[in-house]
C-alpha atoms as a PDB file:
ATOM      1  CA  GLU A   1      77.998  95.325  98.610  1.00  0.00           C
ATOM      2  CA  ILE A   2      78.120  98.801  97.288  1.00  0.00           C
ATOM      3  CA  LEU A   3      76.585 101.081  99.329  1.00  0.00           C
ATOM      4  CA  GLY A   4      76.328 104.701  97.982  1.00  0.00           C
ATOM      5  CA  ASN A   5      75.354 108.045  99.604  1.00  0.00           C
ATOM      6  CA  ASP A   6      71.916 107.621  98.119  1.00  0.00           C
ATOM      7  CA  ILE A   7      71.715 104.471 100.895  1.00  0.00           C
ATOM      8  CA  GLU A   8      73.345 106.323 104.078  1.00  0.00           C
ATOM      9  CA  LYS A   9      75.894 108.824 104.685  1.00  0.00           C
ATOM     10  CA  SER A  10      77.923 107.047 107.705  1.00  0.00           C
ATOM     11  CA  LYS A  11      80.456 104.351 106.373  1.00  0.00           C
ATOM     12  CA  VAL A  12      80.185 102.756 110.032  1.00  0.00           C
ATOM     13  CA  LYS A  13      76.248 102.359 109.379  1.00  0.00           C
ATOM     14  CA  LYS A  14      76.729 100.937 106.131  1.00  0.00           C
ATOM     15  CA  ILE A  15      79.613  98.645 107.374  1.00  0.00           C
ATOM     16  CA  GLN A  16      77.080  97.479 110.623  1.00  0.00           C
ATOM     17  CA  THR A  17      74.472  96.902 107.601  1.00  0.00           C
ATOM     18  CA  VAL A  18      76.373  94.719 105.987  1.00  0.00           C
ATOM     19  CA  LEU A  19      77.570  92.607 108.706  1.00  0.00           C
ATOM     20  CA  ASN A  20      74.019  92.123 109.802  1.00  0.00           C
ATOM     21  CA  ARG A  21      72.652  91.521 106.389  1.00  0.00           C
ATOM     22  CA  TYR A  22      74.893  88.666 105.608  1.00  0.00           C
ATOM     23  CA  VAL A  23      75.220  87.434 109.208  1.00  0.00           C
ATOM     24  CA  ILE A  24      78.874  87.844 109.342  1.00  0.00           C
ATOM     25  CA  LYS A  25      81.390  88.642 112.146  1.00  0.00           C
ATOM     26  CA  PRO A  26      83.696  91.885 111.980  1.00  0.00           C
ATOM     27  CA  ASP A  27      86.761  89.164 112.071  1.00  0.00           C
ATOM     28  CA  GLU A  28      85.154  87.556 109.156  1.00  0.00           C
ATOM     29  CA  THR A  29      85.399  90.574 107.135  1.00  0.00           C
ATOM     30  CA  VAL A  30      88.040  92.597 105.645  1.00  0.00           C
ATOM     31  CA  PHE A  31      87.605  96.361 103.905  1.00  0.00           C
ATOM     32  CA  ILE A  32      89.597  97.306 101.036  1.00  0.00           C
ATOM     33  CA  THR A  33      89.886 101.412 101.099  1.00  0.00           C
ATOM     34  CA  ASP A  34      92.141 104.270  99.749  1.00  0.00           C
ATOM     35  CA  THR A  35      91.296 106.757 102.697  1.00  0.00           C
ATOM     36  CA  LEU A  36      92.236 107.310 106.087  1.00  0.00           C
ATOM     37  CA  GLY A  37      88.540 107.905 107.194  1.00  0.00           C
ATOM     38  CA  ASP A  38      87.762 104.567 105.903  1.00  0.00           C
ATOM     39  CA  ILE A  39      90.204 102.652 107.731  1.00  0.00           C
ATOM     40  CA  ASN A  40      89.330 104.718 110.927  1.00  0.00           C
ATOM     41  CA  GLU A  41      85.391 103.941 110.401  1.00  0.00           C
ATOM     42  CA  ALA A  42      86.437  99.960 109.715  1.00  0.00           C
ATOM     43  CA  SER A  43      87.930  99.752 112.960  1.00  0.00           C
ATOM     44  CA  VAL A  44      85.126 100.852 114.712  1.00  0.00           C
ATOM     45  CA  CYS A  45      83.364  98.270 113.587  1.00  0.00           C
ATOM     46  CA  GLY A  46      86.050  95.444 114.433  1.00  0.00           C
ATOM     47  CA  VAL A  47      86.649  95.320 110.593  1.00  0.00           C
ATOM     48  CA  ARG A  48      90.294  94.960 109.336  1.00  0.00           C
ATOM     49  CA  SER A  49      91.234  96.775 106.443  1.00  0.00           C
ATOM     50  CA  ILE A  50      93.453  96.787 103.504  1.00  0.00           C
ATOM     51  CA  ALA A  51      94.666 100.045 102.463  1.00  0.00           C
ATOM     52  CA  VAL A  52      95.778 100.637  98.928  1.00  0.00           C
ATOM     53  CA  THR A  53      98.146 103.075  97.910  1.00  0.00           C
ATOM     54  CA  TRP A  54      97.060 103.964  94.308  1.00  0.00           C
ATOM     55  CA  GLY A  55      94.024 105.849  95.181  1.00  0.00           C
ATOM     56  CA  TYR A  56      93.148 109.009  97.430  1.00  0.00           C
ATOM     57  CA  HIS A  57      95.438 109.344 100.207  1.00  0.00           C
ATOM     58  CA  PRO A  58      99.396 108.483 100.160  1.00  0.00           C
ATOM     59  CA  ARG A  59     100.810 105.827 102.364  1.00  0.00           C
ATOM     60  CA  GLU A  60     102.019 108.538 104.707  1.00  0.00           C
ATOM     61  CA  THR A  61      98.375 109.139 105.332  1.00  0.00           C
ATOM     62  CA  LEU A  62      97.065 105.391 105.298  1.00  0.00           C
ATOM     63  CA  GLU A  63      99.651 104.712 107.846  1.00  0.00           C
ATOM     64  CA  LYS A  64      98.150 106.789 110.303  1.00  0.00           C
ATOM     65  CA  GLY A  65      94.926 104.524 110.672  1.00  0.00           C
ATOM     66  CA  ILE A  66      96.893 101.084 111.284  1.00  0.00           C
ATOM     67  CA  PRO A  67      95.431  99.341 108.749  1.00  0.00           C
ATOM     68  CA  TYR A  68      95.955  95.415 108.539  1.00  0.00           C
ATOM     69  CA  LYS A  69      97.870  95.876 105.514  1.00  0.00           C
ATOM     70  CA  ILE A  70      98.984  98.693 102.885  1.00  0.00           C
ATOM     71  CA  ILE A  71      99.384  97.438  99.663  1.00  0.00           C
ATOM     72  CA  ASN A  72     100.940  99.173  96.307  1.00  0.00           C
ATOM     73  CA  ASN A  73      99.575  96.493  93.650  1.00  0.00           C
ATOM     74  CA  PRO A  74      96.171  95.109  92.776  1.00  0.00           C
ATOM     75  CA  SER A  75      97.685  91.802  92.512  1.00  0.00           C
ATOM     76  CA  GLU A  76      98.350  91.819  95.988  1.00  0.00           C
ATOM     77  CA  ILE A  77      94.772  91.695  97.202  1.00  0.00           C
ATOM     78  CA  ILE A  78      94.179  87.996  96.831  1.00  0.00           C
ATOM     79  CA  GLU A  79      97.387  87.119  98.761  1.00  0.00           C
ATOM     80  CA  VAL A  80      96.698  89.541 101.634  1.00  0.00           C
ATOM     81  CA  ILE A  81      93.183  88.085 101.871  1.00  0.00           C
ATOM     82  CA  GLY A  82      94.453  84.885 101.995  1.00  0.00           C
ATOM     83  CA  SER A  83      97.109  85.439 104.748  1.00  0.00           C
ATOM     84  CA  ILE A  84      94.216  86.688 107.058  1.00  0.00           C
ATOM     85  CA  ARG A  85      93.632  84.408 109.863  1.00  0.00           C
END
């Protein structure tokens, strides 16, 4: 699902929209992101986040949001998603 600023500015509202649209629970969802703000907003919604180090914020900044996992390479995404229980 891709929801830009043209749909809604608040990522909390966008995450909630996706959860409602697909009738899924926050613990059945993962948000992949490269910013601390996204990690925090996903957390407000009860959604785990996977932070990626090749984007906007460096690892040190991402760590402040306490994401589910921080990864350094796109090849790690599938393995990390598969490890979520």
